[in-house]
Amino acid sequence: MTGVTADCIFGDDLNLIPQELRIMFGTLVLARALEEQMEEFRTEVPLTKSERHMLMNLGVPRRMGQIAETLNTQPSTVTAVADALEAKGLLERERDPDDRRAWQLRLTEAGISARRNLIEVAVSKFREISGLSTSEIEQVAGFFDSVTEHVLKSGFPKGLTL
């Protein structure tokens, strides 16, 4: 969408659009632009979008059912993605110490490294795409921390999928 402006997309003078809609639109545009850039990013071990999402959700070991619930997806989808990441040596299954009947996923050293690399690239791409200064990023992060906390009080939103 080179050269397209928000006022062109909305069909109105941008200043006449409610701030709330401008925030929502800006968030969607940024998220899509970042996702597009991450699709083009090549890792040492090739990763699908679902595999990247799973890696990002495994900062700590988590039960497969928790991941399915958080990402609003079927347990079978989590199993398939976990199988692929396990085959690539990026995660391993282990018994949940709190419930020996359940399995949880834990990143291997290679998985931790791949996750760290994804985070570094995402941060770099965010800075590049957003054009925000460090102080502006700090302000926006503070605002979105408040928004996230408020939204999550009523539960994790549906629709964030692998």
C-alpha atoms as a PDB file:
ATOM      1  CA  MET A   1       0.000   0.000   0.000  1.00  0.00           C
ATOM      2  CA  THR A   2       2.707   2.420  -0.947  1.00  0.00           C
ATOM      3  CA  GLY A   3       1.605   6.034  -0.833  1.00  0.00           C
ATOM      4  CA  VAL A   4      -1.840   5.266   0.630  1.00  0.00           C
ATOM      5  CA  THR A   5      -2.846   7.431   3.564  1.00  0.00           C
ATOM      6  CA  ALA A   6      -5.304   6.695   6.346  1.00  0.00           C
ATOM      7  CA  ASP A   7      -7.579   9.543   5.269  1.00  0.00           C
ATOM      8  CA  CYS A   8      -7.747   7.993   1.789  1.00  0.00           C
ATOM      9  CA  ILE A   9      -8.712   4.604   3.225  1.00  0.00           C
ATOM     10  CA  PHE A  10     -11.324   6.027   5.586  1.00  0.00           C
ATOM     11  CA  GLY A  11     -12.656   8.341   2.897  1.00  0.00           C
ATOM     12  CA  ASP A  12     -12.672  11.275   5.291  1.00  0.00           C
ATOM     13  CA  ASP A  13     -10.339  13.928   6.555  1.00  0.00           C
ATOM     14  CA  LEU A  14      -8.266  12.022   9.113  1.00  0.00           C
ATOM     15  CA  ASN A  15      -8.902  14.739  11.697  1.00  0.00           C
ATOM     16  CA  LEU A  16     -12.644  14.035  11.486  1.00  0.00           C
ATOM     17  CA  ILE A  17     -12.229  10.346  12.335  1.00  0.00           C
ATOM     18  CA  PRO A  18     -12.677   9.568  16.055  1.00  0.00           C
ATOM     19  CA  GLN A  19      -9.358   9.000  17.799  1.00  0.00           C
ATOM     20  CA  GLU A  20     -10.494   5.558  18.940  1.00  0.00           C
ATOM     21  CA  LEU A  21     -10.971   4.417  15.335  1.00  0.00           C
ATOM     22  CA  ARG A  22      -7.627   5.882  14.340  1.00  0.00           C
ATOM     23  CA  ILE A  23      -5.963   3.919  17.151  1.00  0.00           C
ATOM     24  CA  MET A  24      -7.694   0.689  16.103  1.00  0.00           C
ATOM     25  CA  PHE A  25      -6.817   1.211  12.453  1.00  0.00           C
ATOM     26  CA  GLY A  26      -3.212   2.114  13.267  1.00  0.00           C
ATOM     27  CA  THR A  27      -2.871  -0.996  15.433  1.00  0.00           C
ATOM     28  CA  LEU A  28      -4.196  -3.221  12.643  1.00  0.00           C
ATOM     29  CA  VAL A  29      -1.954  -1.624  10.017  1.00  0.00           C
ATOM     30  CA  LEU A  30       1.110  -1.998  12.247  1.00  0.00           C
ATOM     31  CA  ALA A  31       0.292  -5.605  13.156  1.00  0.00           C
ATOM     32  CA  ARG A  32      -0.224  -6.582   9.521  1.00  0.00           C
ATOM     33  CA  ALA A  33       2.962  -4.814   8.404  1.00  0.00           C
ATOM     34  CA  LEU A  34       4.949  -6.601  11.128  1.00  0.00           C
ATOM     35  CA  GLU A  35       3.435  -9.963  10.228  1.00  0.00           C
ATOM     36  CA  GLU A  36       4.330  -9.361   6.584  1.00  0.00           C
ATOM     37  CA  GLN A  37       7.931  -8.570   7.529  1.00  0.00           C
ATOM     38  CA  MET A  38       8.154 -11.633   9.774  1.00  0.00           C
ATOM     39  CA  GLU A  39       6.913 -13.821   6.895  1.00  0.00           C
ATOM     40  CA  GLU A  40       9.859 -12.584   4.835  1.00  0.00           C
ATOM     41  CA  PHE A  41      12.360 -13.122   7.657  1.00  0.00           C
ATOM     42  CA  ARG A  42      14.297 -16.360   7.243  1.00  0.00           C
ATOM     43  CA  THR A  43      15.562 -18.197  10.272  1.00  0.00           C
ATOM     44  CA  GLU A  44      18.369 -20.730  10.414  1.00  0.00           C
ATOM     45  CA  VAL A  45      15.666 -23.381  10.779  1.00  0.00           C
ATOM     46  CA  PRO A  46      12.692 -22.477   8.525  1.00  0.00           C
ATOM     47  CA  LEU A  47       9.571 -21.720  10.583  1.00  0.00           C
ATOM     48  CA  THR A  48       5.930 -21.376   9.623  1.00  0.00           C
ATOM     49  CA  LYS A  49       3.747 -18.623  11.052  1.00  0.00           C
ATOM     50  CA  SER A  50       2.179 -21.143  13.454  1.00  0.00           C
ATOM     51  CA  GLU A  51       5.601 -22.325  14.588  1.00  0.00           C
ATOM     52  CA  ARG A  52       6.717 -18.735  15.226  1.00  0.00           C
ATOM     53  CA  HIS A  53       3.574 -18.093  17.273  1.00  0.00           C
ATOM     54  CA  MET A  54       4.137 -21.256  19.303  1.00  0.00           C
ATOM     55  CA  LEU A  55       7.765 -20.296  20.021  1.00  0.00           C
ATOM     56  CA  MET A  56       6.663 -16.851  21.167  1.00  0.00           C
ATOM     57  CA  ASN A  57       4.128 -18.444  23.544  1.00  0.00           C
ATOM     58  CA  LEU A  58       6.702 -20.683  25.187  1.00  0.00           C
ATOM     59  CA  GLY A  59       8.677 -18.225  27.290  1.00  0.00           C
ATOM     60  CA  VAL A  60       8.004 -20.712  30.086  1.00  0.00           C
ATOM     61  CA  PRO A  61       6.957 -24.368  29.855  1.00  0.00           C
ATOM     62  CA  ARG A  62       3.221 -24.628  29.231  1.00  0.00           C
ATOM     63  CA  ARG A  63       0.661 -27.382  28.977  1.00  0.00           C
ATOM     64  CA  MET A  64      -0.576 -28.089  25.498  1.00  0.00           C
ATOM     65  CA  GLY A  65      -4.183 -27.537  26.580  1.00  0.00           C
ATOM     66  CA  GLN A  66      -3.277 -24.092  27.939  1.00  0.00           C
ATOM     67  CA  ILE A  67      -1.677 -23.157  24.641  1.00  0.00           C
ATOM     68  CA  ALA A  68      -4.732 -24.345  22.696  1.00  0.00           C
ATOM     69  CA  GLU A  69      -7.017 -22.315  24.957  1.00  0.00           C
ATOM     70  CA  THR A  70      -4.862 -19.183  24.868  1.00  0.00           C
ATOM     71  CA  LEU A  71      -4.510 -19.280  21.098  1.00  0.00           C
ATOM     72  CA  ASN A  72      -8.156 -20.272  20.568  1.00  0.00           C
ATOM     73  CA  THR A  73      -7.253 -23.326  18.553  1.00  0.00           C
ATOM     74  CA  GLN A  74      -7.837 -27.056  18.645  1.00  0.00           C
ATOM     75  CA  PRO A  75      -5.529 -29.232  20.731  1.00  0.00           C
ATOM     76  CA  SER A  76      -4.823 -31.237  17.563  1.00  0.00           C
ATOM     77  CA  THR A  77      -3.432 -28.064  15.941  1.00  0.00           C
ATOM     78  CA  VAL A  78      -1.141 -27.489  18.917  1.00  0.00           C
ATOM     79  CA  THR A  79      -0.041 -31.127  18.694  1.00  0.00           C
ATOM     80  CA  ALA A  80       0.793 -30.811  14.984  1.00  0.00           C
ATOM     81  CA  VAL A  81       2.799 -27.611  15.493  1.00  0.00           C
ATOM     82  CA  ALA A  82       4.536 -29.101  18.543  1.00  0.00           C
ATOM     83  CA  ASP A  83       5.414 -32.197  16.488  1.00  0.00           C
ATOM     84  CA  ALA A  84       7.006 -29.996  13.812  1.00  0.00           C
ATOM     85  CA  LEU A  85       8.986 -27.946  16.348  1.00  0.00           C
ATOM     86  CA  GLU A  86      10.075 -31.093  18.157  1.00  0.00           C
ATOM     87  CA  ALA A  87      11.284 -32.593  14.860  1.00  0.00           C
ATOM     88  CA  LYS A  88      13.324 -29.421  14.315  1.00  0.00           C
ATOM     89  CA  GLY A  89      14.873 -29.799  17.771  1.00  0.00           C
ATOM     90  CA  LEU A  90      13.310 -26.587  19.105  1.00  0.00           C
ATOM     91  CA  LEU A  91      11.070 -28.005  21.818  1.00  0.00           C
ATOM     92  CA  GLU A  92      10.533 -31.100  23.871  1.00  0.00           C
ATOM     93  CA  ARG A  93       7.581 -32.613  25.671  1.00  0.00           C
ATOM     94  CA  GLU A  94       7.818 -33.364  29.359  1.00  0.00           C
ATOM     95  CA  ARG A  95       5.428 -34.450  32.065  1.00  0.00           C
ATOM     96  CA  ASP A  96       3.806 -31.584  33.930  1.00  0.00           C
ATOM     97  CA  PRO A  97       5.263 -31.707  37.469  1.00  0.00           C
ATOM     98  CA  ASP A  98       1.893 -30.536  38.864  1.00  0.00           C
ATOM     99  CA  ASP A  99      -0.128 -33.197  37.007  1.00  0.00           C
ATOM    100  CA  ARG A 100       1.852 -36.232  35.863  1.00  0.00           C
ATOM    101  CA  ARG A 101      -0.998 -37.208  33.490  1.00  0.00           C
ATOM    102  CA  ALA A 102      -0.519 -34.037  31.440  1.00  0.00           C
ATOM    103  CA  TRP A 103       2.250 -33.024  29.062  1.00  0.00           C
ATOM    104  CA  GLN A 104       3.852 -29.642  28.808  1.00  0.00           C
ATOM    105  CA  LEU A 105       6.085 -28.156  26.164  1.00  0.00           C
ATOM    106  CA  ARG A 106       9.518 -26.748  26.953  1.00  0.00           C
ATOM    107  CA  LEU A 107      11.915 -25.037  24.579  1.00  0.00           C
ATOM    108  CA  THR A 108      15.280 -26.689  24.039  1.00  0.00           C
ATOM    109  CA  GLU A 109      18.445 -24.584  24.024  1.00  0.00           C
ATOM    110  CA  ALA A 110      18.037 -24.282  20.243  1.00  0.00           C
ATOM    111  CA  GLY A 111      14.406 -23.245  20.767  1.00  0.00           C
ATOM    112  CA  ILE A 112      15.378 -20.612  23.325  1.00  0.00           C
ATOM    113  CA  SER A 113      17.930 -19.263  20.872  1.00  0.00           C
ATOM    114  CA  ALA A 114      15.393 -19.251  18.008  1.00  0.00           C
ATOM    115  CA  ARG A 115      12.831 -17.472  20.223  1.00  0.00           C
ATOM    116  CA  ARG A 116      15.411 -14.892  21.290  1.00  0.00           C
ATOM    117  CA  ASN A 117      16.284 -14.320  17.624  1.00  0.00           C
ATOM    118  CA  LEU A 118      12.602 -13.879  16.706  1.00  0.00           C
ATOM    119  CA  ILE A 119      12.174 -11.322  19.489  1.00  0.00           C
ATOM    120  CA  GLU A 120      15.238  -9.367  18.338  1.00  0.00           C
ATOM    121  CA  VAL A 121      13.978  -9.308  14.756  1.00  0.00           C
ATOM    122  CA  ALA A 122      10.449  -8.324  15.831  1.00  0.00           C
ATOM    123  CA  VAL A 123      11.823  -5.448  17.933  1.00  0.00           C
ATOM    124  CA  SER A 124      14.015  -4.264  15.077  1.00  0.00           C
ATOM    125  CA  LYS A 125      11.174  -4.515  12.551  1.00  0.00           C
ATOM    126  CA  PHE A 126       8.814  -2.696  14.928  1.00  0.00           C
ATOM    127  CA  ARG A 127      11.241   0.200  15.272  1.00  0.00           C
ATOM    128  CA  GLU A 128      11.793   0.312  11.510  1.00  0.00           C
ATOM    129  CA  ILE A 129       8.116   0.094  10.539  1.00  0.00           C
ATOM    130  CA  SER A 130       6.685   2.331  13.265  1.00  0.00           C
ATOM    131  CA  GLY A 131       9.242   5.100  12.902  1.00  0.00           C
ATOM    132  CA  LEU A 132       8.836   5.828  16.618  1.00  0.00           C
ATOM    133  CA  SER A 133      11.649   7.122  18.791  1.00  0.00           C
ATOM    134  CA  THR A 134      12.744   5.259  21.917  1.00  0.00           C
ATOM    135  CA  SER A 135      10.819   7.667  24.158  1.00  0.00           C
ATOM    136  CA  GLU A 136       7.699   7.363  21.986  1.00  0.00           C
ATOM    137  CA  ILE A 137       7.951   3.571  22.168  1.00  0.00           C
ATOM    138  CA  GLU A 138       8.158   3.803  25.973  1.00  0.00           C
ATOM    139  CA  GLN A 139       4.994   5.947  26.041  1.00  0.00           C
ATOM    140  CA  VAL A 140       3.053   3.715  23.655  1.00  0.00           C
ATOM    141  CA  ALA A 141       4.174   0.600  25.578  1.00  0.00           C
ATOM    142  CA  GLY A 142       2.850   2.145  28.793  1.00  0.00           C
ATOM    143  CA  PHE A 143      -0.506   2.903  27.178  1.00  0.00           C
ATOM    144  CA  PHE A 144      -0.792  -0.582  25.721  1.00  0.00           C
ATOM    145  CA  ASP A 145       0.235  -2.209  29.018  1.00  0.00           C
ATOM    146  CA  SER A 146      -2.797  -0.487  30.577  1.00  0.00           C
ATOM    147  CA  VAL A 147      -5.070  -1.504  27.702  1.00  0.00           C
ATOM    148  CA  THR A 148      -3.839  -5.111  27.810  1.00  0.00           C
ATOM    149  CA  GLU A 149      -4.327  -5.356  31.572  1.00  0.00           C
ATOM    150  CA  HIS A 150      -7.862  -3.971  31.278  1.00  0.00           C
ATOM    151  CA  VAL A 151      -8.831  -6.273  28.384  1.00  0.00           C
ATOM    152  CA  LEU A 152      -7.394  -9.390  30.045  1.00  0.00           C
ATOM    153  CA  LYS A 153      -9.439  -8.792  33.212  1.00  0.00           C
ATOM    154  CA  SER A 154     -12.382 -10.267  31.302  1.00  0.00           C
ATOM    155  CA  GLY A 155     -10.359 -13.125  29.791  1.00  0.00           C
ATOM    156  CA  PHE A 156      -8.178 -13.754  26.794  1.00  0.00           C
ATOM    157  CA  PRO A 157      -9.798 -12.521  23.556  1.00  0.00           C
ATOM    158  CA  LYS A 158     -10.985 -15.196  21.159  1.00  0.00           C
ATOM    159  CA  GLY A 159      -9.502 -15.308  17.708  1.00  0.00           C
ATOM    160  CA  LEU A 160      -5.769 -15.190  18.416  1.00  0.00           C
ATOM    161  CA  THR A 161      -4.862 -18.395  16.669  1.00  0.00           C
ATOM    162  CA  LEU A 162      -1.875 -20.392  15.562  1.00  0.00           C
END
